[in-house]
C-alpha atoms as a PDB file:
ATOM      1  CA  MET A   1       0.000   0.000   0.000  1.00  0.00           C
ATOM      2  CA  TYR A   2       2.818   2.403   0.909  1.00  0.00           C
ATOM      3  CA  GLU A   3       4.667   1.675  -2.348  1.00  0.00           C
ATOM      4  CA  ARG A   4       1.465   2.350  -4.348  1.00  0.00           C
ATOM      5  CA  PHE A   5       0.938   5.610  -2.471  1.00  0.00           C
ATOM      6  CA  SER A   6       4.549   6.646  -3.132  1.00  0.00           C
ATOM      7  CA  HIS A   7       4.120   5.842  -6.823  1.00  0.00           C
ATOM      8  CA  LEU A   8       0.949   7.977  -7.038  1.00  0.00           C
ATOM      9  CA  CYS A   9       2.705  10.847  -5.281  1.00  0.00           C
ATOM     10  CA  LEU A  10       5.596  10.649  -7.749  1.00  0.00           C
ATOM     11  CA  ILE A  11       3.193  10.768 -10.719  1.00  0.00           C
ATOM     12  CA  PHE A  12       1.367  13.723  -9.147  1.00  0.00           C
ATOM     13  CA  PHE A  13       4.568  15.726  -8.611  1.00  0.00           C
ATOM     14  CA  MET A  14       5.800  14.917 -12.131  1.00  0.00           C
ATOM     15  CA  ARG A  15       2.525  16.226 -13.582  1.00  0.00           C
ATOM     16  CA  LEU A  16       2.727  19.247 -11.321  1.00  0.00           C
ATOM     17  CA  GLN A  17       6.241  19.969 -12.575  1.00  0.00           C
ATOM     18  CA  THR A  18       5.026  19.628 -16.178  1.00  0.00           C
ATOM     19  CA  LEU A  19       2.177  22.081 -15.571  1.00  0.00           C
ATOM     20  CA  LEU A  20       4.556  24.493 -13.843  1.00  0.00           C
ATOM     21  CA  LEU A  21       7.017  24.289 -16.741  1.00  0.00           C
ATOM     22  CA  PHE A  22       4.202  24.901 -19.238  1.00  0.00           C
ATOM     23  CA  PHE A  23       3.061  27.913 -17.204  1.00  0.00           C
ATOM     24  CA  LEU A  24       6.574  29.378 -17.123  1.00  0.00           C
ATOM     25  CA  ILE A  25       6.937  28.940 -20.900  1.00  0.00           C
ATOM     26  CA  LEU A  26       3.553  30.611 -21.423  1.00  0.00           C
ATOM     27  CA  VAL A  27       4.535  33.549 -19.218  1.00  0.00           C
ATOM     28  CA  ALA A  28       7.857  33.934 -21.013  1.00  0.00           C
ATOM     29  CA  ALA A  29       6.121  33.878 -24.384  1.00  0.00           C
ATOM     30  CA  CYS A  30       3.669  36.538 -23.259  1.00  0.00           C
ATOM     31  CA  GLN A  31       6.493  38.692 -21.940  1.00  0.00           C
ATOM     32  CA  LYS A  32       8.372  38.307 -25.205  1.00  0.00           C
ATOM     33  CA  LYS A  33       5.310  39.302 -27.181  1.00  0.00           C
ATOM     34  CA  VAL A  34       4.835  42.416 -25.072  1.00  0.00           C
ATOM     35  CA  ALA A  35       8.505  43.335 -25.419  1.00  0.00           C
ATOM     36  CA  GLU A  36       8.575  43.115 -29.225  1.00  0.00           C
ATOM     37  CA  PRO A  37       9.081  46.566 -30.800  1.00  0.00           C
ATOM     38  CA  GLN A  38       6.128  48.015 -32.644  1.00  0.00           C
ATOM     39  CA  GLU A  39       6.393  49.288 -36.199  1.00  0.00           C
ATOM     40  CA  VAL A  40       7.317  52.956 -36.240  1.00  0.00           C
ATOM     41  CA  GLU A  41       4.737  54.942 -38.201  1.00  0.00           C
ATOM     42  CA  GLY A  42       6.010  58.426 -37.416  1.00  0.00           C
ATOM     43  CA  PHE A  43       9.450  59.988 -37.294  1.00  0.00           C
ATOM     44  CA  GLU A  44      12.205  58.813 -34.975  1.00  0.00           C
ATOM     45  CA  ASN A  45      12.880  61.048 -31.982  1.00  0.00           C
ATOM     46  CA  SER A  46      16.675  60.921 -32.231  1.00  0.00           C
ATOM     47  CA  PRO A  47      18.729  61.526 -35.391  1.00  0.00           C
ATOM     48  CA  LEU A  48      21.151  58.858 -36.602  1.00  0.00           C
ATOM     49  CA  ALA A  49      24.319  60.052 -38.352  1.00  0.00           C
ATOM     50  CA  LYS A  50      26.332  58.056 -40.895  1.00  0.00           C
ATOM     51  CA  SER A  51      29.332  59.213 -42.913  1.00  0.00           C
ATOM     52  CA  VAL A  52      29.379  59.293 -46.717  1.00  0.00           C
ATOM     53  CA  SER A  53      32.694  58.970 -48.555  1.00  0.00           C
ATOM     54  CA  PRO A  54      33.916  62.317 -49.976  1.00  0.00           C
ATOM     55  CA  GLY A  55      33.532  62.731 -53.727  1.00  0.00           C
ATOM     56  CA  VAL A  56      30.482  60.470 -53.982  1.00  0.00           C
ATOM     57  CA  LEU A  57      27.674  62.931 -53.277  1.00  0.00           C
ATOM     58  CA  ASP A  58      29.102  66.393 -52.729  1.00  0.00           C
ATOM     59  CA  GLU A  59      25.867  68.361 -53.259  1.00  0.00           C
ATOM     60  CA  ALA A  60      23.023  66.159 -52.054  1.00  0.00           C
ATOM     61  CA  SER A  61      19.827  68.166 -52.254  1.00  0.00           C
ATOM     62  CA  GLY A  62      16.915  65.728 -51.947  1.00  0.00           C
ATOM     63  CA  ILE A  63      16.523  62.375 -50.172  1.00  0.00           C
ATOM     64  CA  ALA A  64      13.759  59.761 -50.129  1.00  0.00           C
ATOM     65  CA  ASP A  65      13.660  56.339 -48.464  1.00  0.00           C
ATOM     66  CA  SER A  66      13.320  53.541 -51.026  1.00  0.00           C
ATOM     67  CA  LYS A  67      10.478  51.011 -50.954  1.00  0.00           C
ATOM     68  CA  GLN A  68      11.691  48.915 -53.884  1.00  0.00           C
ATOM     69  CA  ASN A  69      15.151  48.626 -52.353  1.00  0.00           C
ATOM     70  CA  PRO A  70      14.760  48.280 -48.562  1.00  0.00           C
ATOM     71  CA  GLY A  71      17.715  49.607 -46.620  1.00  0.00           C
ATOM     72  CA  TYR A  72      18.563  52.203 -49.259  1.00  0.00           C
ATOM     73  CA  LEU A  73      17.918  55.897 -49.877  1.00  0.00           C
ATOM     74  CA  TRP A  74      17.421  57.751 -53.135  1.00  0.00           C
ATOM     75  CA  VAL A  75      19.560  60.884 -53.330  1.00  0.00           C
ATOM     76  CA  GLN A  76      19.616  63.602 -55.997  1.00  0.00           C
ATOM     77  CA  GLN A  77      22.147  66.376 -56.430  1.00  0.00           C
ATOM     78  CA  ASP A  78      21.679  70.062 -57.209  1.00  0.00           C
ATOM     79  CA  SER A  79      22.142  71.909 -60.512  1.00  0.00           C
ATOM     80  CA  GLY A  80      25.449  71.447 -62.304  1.00  0.00           C
ATOM     81  CA  ASN A  81      25.386  67.698 -61.689  1.00  0.00           C
ATOM     82  CA  PRO A  82      24.307  64.956 -64.127  1.00  0.00           C
ATOM     83  CA  ASN A  83      20.654  63.932 -64.407  1.00  0.00           C
ATOM     84  CA  ASP A  84      21.260  60.933 -62.134  1.00  0.00           C
ATOM     85  CA  ILE A  85      19.729  59.683 -58.926  1.00  0.00           C
ATOM     86  CA  ALA A  86      21.913  57.726 -56.529  1.00  0.00           C
ATOM     87  CA  LEU A  87      21.228  54.713 -54.336  1.00  0.00           C
ATOM     88  CA  LEU A  88      22.821  55.082 -50.927  1.00  0.00           C
ATOM     89  CA  SER A  89      22.562  52.521 -48.123  1.00  0.00           C
ATOM     90  CA  HIS A  90      21.278  53.522 -44.703  1.00  0.00           C
ATOM     91  CA  ASP A  91      24.888  53.093 -43.542  1.00  0.00           C
ATOM     92  CA  GLY A  92      26.079  55.726 -46.030  1.00  0.00           C
ATOM     93  CA  ASN A  93      27.583  53.332 -48.599  1.00  0.00           C
ATOM     94  CA  PHE A  94      27.162  54.364 -52.251  1.00  0.00           C
ATOM     95  CA  LEU A  95      25.754  51.646 -54.528  1.00  0.00           C
ATOM     96  CA  LYS A  96      25.190  53.204 -57.971  1.00  0.00           C
ATOM     97  CA  ASN A  97      23.768  56.031 -60.078  1.00  0.00           C
ATOM     98  CA  ILE A  98      20.717  55.633 -62.297  1.00  0.00           C
ATOM     99  CA  THR A  99      20.187  58.062 -65.197  1.00  0.00           C
ATOM    100  CA  LEU A 100      16.849  59.744 -65.913  1.00  0.00           C
ATOM    101  CA  ASN A 101      16.038  59.939 -69.613  1.00  0.00           C
ATOM    102  CA  LEU A 102      14.951  63.378 -70.940  1.00  0.00           C
ATOM    103  CA  ALA A 103      15.036  65.002 -67.502  1.00  0.00           C
ATOM    104  CA  PRO A 104      17.846  67.593 -67.506  1.00  0.00           C
ATOM    105  CA  ASN A 105      19.144  68.816 -64.166  1.00  0.00           C
ATOM    106  CA  ARG A 106      18.407  72.507 -64.549  1.00  0.00           C
ATOM    107  CA  ASP A 107      18.022  73.117 -60.828  1.00  0.00           C
ATOM    108  CA  TRP A 108      16.909  69.956 -59.027  1.00  0.00           C
ATOM    109  CA  GLU A 109      16.164  70.802 -55.413  1.00  0.00           C
ATOM    110  CA  ASP A 110      14.088  68.135 -53.684  1.00  0.00           C
ATOM    111  CA  MET A 111      12.429  64.758 -54.112  1.00  0.00           C
ATOM    112  CA  ALA A 112       9.623  62.725 -52.574  1.00  0.00           C
ATOM    113  CA  LEU A 113       8.466  59.118 -52.777  1.00  0.00           C
ATOM    114  CA  ALA A 114       4.683  58.697 -52.797  1.00  0.00           C
ATOM    115  CA  ASN A 115       1.664  57.215 -54.547  1.00  0.00           C
ATOM    116  CA  GLY A 116       0.950  58.077 -58.160  1.00  0.00           C
ATOM    117  CA  PRO A 117      -1.224  57.271 -61.176  1.00  0.00           C
ATOM    118  CA  VAL A 118      -1.024  53.461 -60.848  1.00  0.00           C
ATOM    119  CA  ASN A 119      -2.329  52.109 -57.551  1.00  0.00           C
ATOM    120  CA  GLY A 120       0.144  49.959 -55.652  1.00  0.00           C
ATOM    121  CA  THR A 121       3.157  51.542 -57.370  1.00  0.00           C
ATOM    122  CA  SER A 122       5.539  53.878 -55.560  1.00  0.00           C
ATOM    123  CA  TYR A 123       6.648  56.934 -57.529  1.00  0.00           C
ATOM    124  CA  ILE A 124       9.570  59.283 -57.230  1.00  0.00           C
ATOM    125  CA  TYR A 125       8.739  62.975 -57.597  1.00  0.00           C
ATOM    126  CA  LEU A 126      11.859  64.963 -58.511  1.00  0.00           C
ATOM    127  CA  ALA A 127      11.396  68.722 -58.246  1.00  0.00           C
ATOM    128  CA  ASP A 128      13.235  71.041 -60.655  1.00  0.00           C
ATOM    129  CA  ILE A 129      11.989  74.139 -58.829  1.00  0.00           C
ATOM    130  CA  GLY A 130      15.042  76.220 -57.924  1.00  0.00           C
ATOM    131  CA  ASP A 131      15.181  79.805 -59.227  1.00  0.00           C
ATOM    132  CA  ASN A 132      17.595  81.983 -57.248  1.00  0.00           C
ATOM    133  CA  SER A 133      17.276  84.925 -59.645  1.00  0.00           C
ATOM    134  CA  LEU A 134      13.457  84.687 -59.929  1.00  0.00           C
ATOM    135  CA  VAL A 135      13.572  84.749 -63.730  1.00  0.00           C
ATOM    136  CA  SER A 136      12.141  81.367 -64.766  1.00  0.00           C
ATOM    137  CA  PRO A 137       8.573  81.380 -66.076  1.00  0.00           C
ATOM    138  CA  ASP A 138       8.142  77.596 -65.863  1.00  0.00           C
ATOM    139  CA  TYR A 139       9.152  74.875 -63.412  1.00  0.00           C
ATOM    140  CA  PHE A 140       9.089  71.083 -63.595  1.00  0.00           C
ATOM    141  CA  ILE A 141       8.418  68.004 -61.501  1.00  0.00           C
ATOM    142  CA  TYR A 142       9.554  64.698 -62.947  1.00  0.00           C
ATOM    143  CA  ARG A 143       7.475  61.716 -61.860  1.00  0.00           C
ATOM    144  CA  PHE A 144       8.396  58.096 -62.513  1.00  0.00           C
ATOM    145  CA  ALA A 145       7.839  54.641 -61.066  1.00  0.00           C
ATOM    146  CA  GLU A 146      10.516  53.836 -58.510  1.00  0.00           C
ATOM    147  CA  PRO A 147      13.181  51.648 -60.158  1.00  0.00           C
ATOM    148  CA  THR A 148      14.924  48.644 -58.682  1.00  0.00           C
ATOM    149  CA  ALA A 149      18.645  48.560 -58.037  1.00  0.00           C
ATOM    150  CA  SER A 150      19.184  46.532 -61.215  1.00  0.00           C
ATOM    151  CA  ALA A 151      18.148  49.445 -63.456  1.00  0.00           C
ATOM    152  CA  ASN A 152      20.674  51.724 -65.151  1.00  0.00           C
ATOM    153  CA  ILE A 153      18.316  54.094 -66.966  1.00  0.00           C
ATOM    154  CA  VAL A 154      14.764  55.283 -66.253  1.00  0.00           C
ATOM    155  CA  GLY A 155      13.132  55.764 -69.659  1.00  0.00           C
ATOM    156  CA  ALA A 156       9.493  56.455 -68.780  1.00  0.00           C
ATOM    157  CA  VAL A 157       9.420  59.824 -67.014  1.00  0.00           C
ATOM    158  CA  ASP A 158       6.337  62.058 -66.681  1.00  0.00           C
ATOM    159  CA  LYS A 159       7.159  65.749 -67.007  1.00  0.00           C
ATOM    160  CA  ILE A 160       4.769  67.926 -64.990  1.00  0.00           C
ATOM    161  CA  SER A 161       5.333  71.527 -66.087  1.00  0.00           C
ATOM    162  CA  PHE A 162       3.817  74.319 -64.023  1.00  0.00           C
ATOM    163  CA  ARG A 163       3.696  78.036 -63.377  1.00  0.00           C
ATOM    164  CA  TYR A 164       2.776  79.886 -60.236  1.00  0.00           C
ATOM    165  CA  ALA A 165      -0.447  81.852 -60.414  1.00  0.00           C
ATOM    166  CA  ASP A 166       1.350  84.991 -59.191  1.00  0.00           C
ATOM    167  CA  GLY A 167       4.739  84.925 -60.923  1.00  0.00           C
ATOM    168  CA  SER A 168       8.185  83.432 -60.342  1.00  0.00           C
ATOM    169  CA  HIS A 169       9.307  81.928 -57.028  1.00  0.00           C
ATOM    170  CA  ASP A 170      12.436  80.200 -55.753  1.00  0.00           C
ATOM    171  CA  ALA A 171      11.640  76.894 -54.042  1.00  0.00           C
ATOM    172  CA  GLU A 172      13.567  73.932 -52.674  1.00  0.00           C
ATOM    173  CA  THR A 173      10.802  71.896 -51.036  1.00  0.00           C
ATOM    174  CA  VAL A 174       8.234  69.453 -52.394  1.00  0.00           C
ATOM    175  CA  LEU A 175       5.639  67.311 -50.575  1.00  0.00           C
ATOM    176  CA  VAL A 176       3.131  64.808 -51.962  1.00  0.00           C
ATOM    177  CA  ASP A 177      -0.074  63.848 -50.161  1.00  0.00           C
ATOM    178  CA  ASN A 178      -0.314  60.055 -50.380  1.00  0.00           C
ATOM    179  CA  SER A 179      -4.101  60.033 -50.031  1.00  0.00           C
ATOM    180  CA  THR A 180      -4.969  62.706 -52.626  1.00  0.00           C
ATOM    181  CA  LYS A 181      -1.763  62.628 -54.742  1.00  0.00           C
ATOM    182  CA  ASP A 182      -1.736  66.430 -54.656  1.00  0.00           C
ATOM    183  CA  ILE A 183       1.715  68.026 -54.914  1.00  0.00           C
ATOM    184  CA  TYR A 184       2.763  70.876 -52.616  1.00  0.00           C
ATOM    185  CA  ILE A 185       5.667  73.251 -53.273  1.00  0.00           C
ATOM    186  CA  ILE A 186       7.044  75.421 -50.445  1.00  0.00           C
ATOM    187  CA  THR A 187       8.948  78.537 -51.482  1.00  0.00           C
ATOM    188  CA  LYS A 188      12.262  79.570 -49.994  1.00  0.00           C
ATOM    189  CA  GLN A 189      12.899  83.289 -50.559  1.00  0.00           C
ATOM    190  CA  ASP A 190       9.411  84.572 -49.808  1.00  0.00           C
ATOM    191  CA  ILE A 191       9.015  86.131 -46.358  1.00  0.00           C
ATOM    192  CA  PRO A 192       7.368  84.099 -44.987  1.00  0.00           C
ATOM    193  CA  SER A 193       7.562  80.930 -47.119  1.00  0.00           C
ATOM    194  CA  ARG A 194       4.443  80.190 -49.161  1.00  0.00           C
ATOM    195  CA  VAL A 195       2.772  76.855 -49.898  1.00  0.00           C
ATOM    196  CA  TYR A 196       1.491  76.204 -53.430  1.00  0.00           C
ATOM    197  CA  LYS A 197      -0.619  73.291 -54.605  1.00  0.00           C
ATOM    198  CA  LEU A 198      -0.776  71.244 -57.818  1.00  0.00           C
ATOM    199  CA  SER A 199      -4.005  69.265 -57.615  1.00  0.00           C
ATOM    200  CA  TYR A 200      -4.208  65.690 -58.882  1.00  0.00           C
ATOM    201  CA  PRO A 201      -4.413  64.646 -61.669  1.00  0.00           C
ATOM    202  CA  GLN A 202      -1.557  66.820 -62.874  1.00  0.00           C
ATOM    203  CA  SER A 203      -1.337  67.211 -66.643  1.00  0.00           C
ATOM    204  CA  THR A 204       1.733  66.027 -68.533  1.00  0.00           C
ATOM    205  CA  SER A 205       0.668  67.690 -71.811  1.00  0.00           C
ATOM    206  CA  ILE A 206      -0.145  71.287 -70.814  1.00  0.00           C
ATOM    207  CA  ILE A 207       1.314  73.707 -68.262  1.00  0.00           C
ATOM    208  CA  ASN A 208      -0.287  73.344 -64.825  1.00  0.00           C
ATOM    209  CA  THR A 209      -1.004  76.268 -62.488  1.00  0.00           C
ATOM    210  CA  ALA A 210       0.247  76.111 -58.897  1.00  0.00           C
ATOM    211  CA  THR A 211      -2.239  77.935 -56.671  1.00  0.00           C
ATOM    212  CA  LEU A 212      -1.512  79.497 -53.288  1.00  0.00           C
ATOM    213  CA  SER A 213      -2.623  77.143 -50.531  1.00  0.00           C
ATOM    214  CA  GLY A 214      -1.169  78.729 -47.398  1.00  0.00           C
ATOM    215  CA  GLY A 215       1.926  80.019 -45.664  1.00  0.00           C
ATOM    216  CA  LEU A 216       4.410  79.167 -42.938  1.00  0.00           C
ATOM    217  CA  PRO A 217       5.489  81.219 -39.900  1.00  0.00           C
ATOM    218  CA  PHE A 218       9.067  81.441 -41.222  1.00  0.00           C
ATOM    219  CA  SER A 219      11.068  81.727 -44.436  1.00  0.00           C
ATOM    220  CA  GLY A 220      13.953  79.780 -45.940  1.00  0.00           C
ATOM    221  CA  ALA A 221      12.344  76.330 -46.344  1.00  0.00           C
ATOM    222  CA  THR A 222      14.904  73.996 -47.931  1.00  0.00           C
ATOM    223  CA  SER A 223      13.353  70.510 -47.655  1.00  0.00           C
ATOM    224  CA  ALA A 224      10.454  68.576 -46.137  1.00  0.00           C
ATOM    225  CA  ALA A 225       9.133  65.080 -45.481  1.00  0.00           C
ATOM    226  CA  VAL A 226       5.851  63.360 -44.605  1.00  0.00           C
ATOM    227  CA  SER A 227       5.852  60.461 -42.133  1.00  0.00           C
ATOM    228  CA  PRO A 228       4.784  57.018 -43.429  1.00  0.00           C
ATOM    229  CA  ASP A 229       1.379  57.263 -41.695  1.00  0.00           C
ATOM    230  CA  GLY A 230       0.779  60.760 -43.084  1.00  0.00           C
ATOM    231  CA  LYS A 231       0.268  62.242 -39.616  1.00  0.00           C
ATOM    232  CA  GLU A 232       3.505  64.221 -39.273  1.00  0.00           C
ATOM    233  CA  ILE A 233       5.351  66.719 -41.466  1.00  0.00           C
ATOM    234  CA  LEU A 234       8.895  67.995 -41.075  1.00  0.00           C
ATOM    235  CA  VAL A 235      10.065  71.192 -42.798  1.00  0.00           C
ATOM    236  CA  LYS A 236      13.767  72.058 -42.724  1.00  0.00           C
ATOM    237  CA  THR A 237      15.416  75.473 -42.929  1.00  0.00           C
ATOM    238  CA  TYR A 238      19.109  76.347 -42.704  1.00  0.00           C
ATOM    239  CA  THR A 239      18.885  76.668 -38.920  1.00  0.00           C
ATOM    240  CA  ALA A 240      15.999  74.499 -37.708  1.00  0.00           C
ATOM    241  CA  ILE A 241      13.596  71.625 -38.338  1.00  0.00           C
ATOM    242  CA  TRP A 242       9.900  72.370 -37.805  1.00  0.00           C
ATOM    243  CA  GLU A 243       7.409  69.616 -36.999  1.00  0.00           C
ATOM    244  CA  TRP A 244       3.649  69.468 -37.440  1.00  0.00           C
ATOM    245  CA  LYS A 245       1.443  66.682 -36.107  1.00  0.00           C
END
């Protein structure tokens, strides 16, 4: 009788240990799930700096994070440089240049990556909008489907020509609303900077008119970005970065 009782006790404690082990594994799994980082939809709070080798991109003017090539950035250079866009890794390593067909670099100033005419396709918007002397009647935004790293030339480029409703302006900033596909240009020299809008669908056959949409509480806008969830905007000047939520 005692041996049978001892055997039953042993079985009981073995099952108890099994249940306890299962409980500990379950708790650990739950803790791991809670500790997993969530996808960042907005901007990071702290900047991350990486060095780029001298002579590779000496006059970077516009940057956009690539969707077709994860881990890489698209970078374009200012006027006086070839009509190329560069692929640069998040660590600052240069991969290659890709040439844009029939898109001369008159005064490229900024770029954005956003939705476009074909749903599900990411587009690069390259803004030829600089005009330091305020003498240009027309300005251009080149729009094309984002290429992969295997491409050497982008042949199909939409040319969106436009004029401001109130004359010439110098601008270095472009934004694209992912939901409406409207394009916004922010001027630089105006005091304060002005915001102009090119409503979708933008024509590629006639000259569009950019209409005044608003203004900013400062001047000297040089670049801007929209967060992936569309809920935050950053606008950069020479001395500061302004944030809207």
